[in-house]
Amino acid sequence: MSHRVGQGVILAAGRGTRLQPLSQLIPKPLQPVCNKPIMQYQIEAMHAAGINEIAIVISPTGEAIPACFGDGAQLGVRLTYLEDPAPAGIAASLARTEPWVRGPFAVFLGDIFLSLTELGPALAPLEQGAAGTLIVRRDLPAAVQRNFAVLVEADGRVVQVIEKPQRPPTNLKGCGVYVFDQSIFEAIRRTPRSALRNEYELTDAIQTMIGFGPPLFAADLVRWDMNITFPGDLLACNLRVLREQHGSGLVSPRAVIDVHAELIQTVVGDDATIGAPVRLEECLVLPRAQVRSFEGIRRRMIFAEEGQLDPAASARSVYPGW
């Protein structure tokens, strides 16, 4: 079997309860970052690394994702959709892909935004016979506590992973991107539900995987990353990408903007309407939202509840950032 990494997986079967009410309208992986779904950045990263065959694991209520991306042809990839009928953790969702996977493959968690240098170096160990690569980033202890710690030897070989450590023994944080060979599926079968969340944790399966077979390595390829967990995370992520990639503002060509409106460091989404000479500073106006206020708004996210685009609904739907 070839060791070339030619397939990818995006896990997108989570419920996104902490992102409500936004996740009631749009699944977390489709939340927009500078007018592009989070998941599209992940698809583009894999495509740039030569991975053009991608499976997306969705929940039974995740039909908006295939409706958004279709077969992937517009992004230069081939997309397959696999349903996880009863999501029971990241490892359980990943296990749904085993019949589809043919060799080494990359994995992204669909609700994490990453600014990657490139994905290619993470593929190289697998193409040389390693069992996997964990994408990591050096970060503050609080960030490691919220994710998982990755302990490595001097050559980058992973010796231990620790889910949400209370006292992180390292500043290397797992970032929700992996490359595995097919032995990950055997590791998942050997892994029980966790005591922490009563789910099948991918970190537990990785620790099981470390105990047999070829080694896993860590690759520090992330400039910065953000878990889109709460509404304020989405605003913060948009403002950072806007500043780094788009300059002072980004307005969808499908938006309608009052000629006297003043937009400063603001993102305006598809079919949004700014129908008053308002000043918006460091704001995110989500698709289909309406702004009719004459008062200045700063560092807020404005969204419209589905089917309610009247000014009263918009006024109720202004969320502070952080």
Foldseek 3Di string as FASTA:
>chain_A
DALFAAEAEEEQADQLPQAPPVCVPPGLQQQDQLQGGLVLVVQLQCVVLNHAEYEYEYEPPHPVVCVVQPLVVVVRHGYHYHYDDDAFEDLSSVLSCLVVDDWKYKYAHSNKHFDFQHCNVQSVVSSVPAFKEFAKAQDDPVVCLQAKAFDADPVQWTQAIGGNDPGHPGRIHGRRMMIGTSCLNVLQVVAAQDPVRRGSYSRSSVNSVCVDDGTYGYDHGTPDMFRCNYNLRSLVSNLVCCVVPPNFEHEDPQEAEDPQAAEGSEYAYHCEYEPDNEYEYSEYEYHLEYHDDNYHYYQWYFYADPPGRDNVRRVVRIGHRD
